Every structure is written in structure tokens, then in C-alpha cells.
Amino acid sequence: MAALEEGRAADVLEELSPEDQVDVLEDLPPEKAADILEEMGPDEAADLIADLPEERQTELLSLLEPEEAEDVRELLSYGEE
């Protein structure tokens, strides 16, 4: 997955089961994982980030472009209500 272009990697990741998506994102370097998340729609990225451990969530959110991170954080907040 690390060798794939980010857009293609995002497409492949979206086809995996949620458990496999989490495994892949946890195994990737943080910068690569954030680049892939940025290629996904905010809804999909938020769903995936929500399944990660809190420390990894924070790390990846800090690496996203500010606008992307804001959209994802807003969507994540809906799950907390």
C-alpha cells in the first residue's frame, strides 16, 4: 500500500473491511496514512479515523491539511453525541 499513489491507495483502502483498513493505516508511516486519508471523502476518512486508537487519531489529524482536519473533526464530533 505504501508504494501506491495516494489516490489509488485510498480507493483500495475503501474496498477493505473496516478491520483491515485499521490494520493498514496503523502499519503505514503517519505522513503516508494522512496523505491517503486526504484523498478520501471526509465521511469515509472520519469513519476510518474513528476506528483507530486515540493516539493515532490525534497524530493523523495533526498531519491533515487544516481544512480537511476541520471537516473530519466535525464529523467525528457527531459520533460523540
Protein backbone atom coordinates (compact mmCIF):
# COMPACT_ATOMS: atom_id res chain seq x y z
CA MET A 1 0.00 0.00 0.00
CA ALA A 2 2.88 2.37 0.78
CA ALA A 3 4.11 2.11 -2.82
CA LEU A 4 0.77 3.12 -4.34
CA GLU A 5 -0.07 6.67 -5.35
CA GLU A 6 -2.29 8.20 -2.64
CA GLY A 7 -5.47 8.38 -4.72
CA ARG A 8 -5.16 4.75 -5.78
CA ALA A 9 -4.29 3.68 -2.23
CA ALA A 10 -7.42 5.47 -0.95
CA ASP A 11 -9.55 3.60 -3.50
CA VAL A 12 -8.04 0.27 -2.46
CA LEU A 13 -8.38 1.07 1.25
CA GLU A 14 -12.08 1.89 0.86
CA GLU A 15 -12.67 -1.62 -0.55
CA LEU A 16 -11.21 -3.37 2.51
CA SER A 17 -13.11 -4.42 5.60
CA PRO A 18 -13.03 -1.91 8.48
CA GLU A 19 -10.67 -4.15 10.44
CA ASP A 20 -8.25 -4.39 7.51
CA GLN A 21 -8.46 -0.63 6.93
CA VAL A 22 -7.38 -0.03 10.52
CA ASP A 23 -4.53 -2.56 10.22
CA VAL A 24 -3.25 -0.91 7.05
CA LEU A 25 -3.38 2.62 8.46
CA GLU A 26 -1.63 1.54 11.65
CA ASP A 27 1.18 -0.07 9.63
CA LEU A 28 1.80 2.89 7.32
CA PRO A 29 4.10 5.77 8.19
CA PRO A 30 1.95 8.59 9.61
CA GLU A 31 2.62 11.00 6.74
CA LYS A 32 1.62 8.41 4.12
CA ALA A 33 -1.51 7.47 6.08
CA ALA A 34 -2.52 11.16 6.31
CA ASP A 35 -1.92 11.64 2.56
CA ILE A 36 -4.20 8.69 1.82
CA LEU A 37 -6.89 9.97 4.19
CA GLU A 38 -6.82 13.33 2.40
CA GLU A 39 -7.70 11.54 -0.85
CA MET A 40 -10.79 10.01 0.74
CA GLY A 41 -14.07 11.81 1.25
CA PRO A 42 -14.43 13.40 4.69
CA ASP A 43 -17.16 10.91 5.70
CA GLU A 44 -15.01 7.90 4.84
CA ALA A 45 -11.93 9.41 6.46
CA ALA A 46 -13.85 10.20 9.65
CA ASP A 47 -15.31 6.69 9.83
CA LEU A 48 -11.86 5.20 9.47
CA ILE A 49 -10.15 7.55 11.91
CA ALA A 50 -12.88 6.84 14.47
CA ASP A 51 -11.82 3.17 14.46
CA LEU A 52 -8.18 3.97 15.26
CA PRO A 53 -6.67 4.24 18.73
CA GLU A 54 -6.95 7.78 20.13
CA GLU A 55 -3.20 8.42 19.94
CA ARG A 56 -3.13 7.52 16.23
CA GLN A 57 -6.25 9.63 15.60
CA THR A 58 -4.55 12.67 17.10
CA GLU A 59 -1.36 12.04 15.16
CA LEU A 60 -3.11 11.68 11.80
CA LEU A 61 -5.44 14.64 12.36
CA SER A 62 -2.41 16.83 13.07
CA LEU A 63 -0.91 15.82 9.71
CA LEU A 64 -4.01 16.51 7.61
CA GLU A 65 -4.40 19.81 5.79
CA PRO A 66 -6.17 22.21 8.19
CA GLU A 67 -9.41 22.33 6.17
CA GLU A 68 -9.53 18.54 5.84
CA ALA A 69 -8.79 18.08 9.53
CA GLU A 70 -11.55 20.52 10.46
CA ASP A 71 -14.10 18.64 8.31
CA VAL A 72 -13.07 15.29 9.79
CA ARG A 73 -13.12 16.60 13.38
CA GLU A 74 -16.61 17.99 12.84
CA LEU A 75 -17.83 14.63 11.54
CA LEU A 76 -16.13 12.80 14.42
CA SER A 77 -17.92 15.06 16.90
CA TYR A 78 -21.29 13.81 15.63
CA GLY A 79 -20.34 10.29 16.71
CA GLU A 80 -19.69 11.50 20.25
CA GLU A 81 -23.19 12.89 20.72
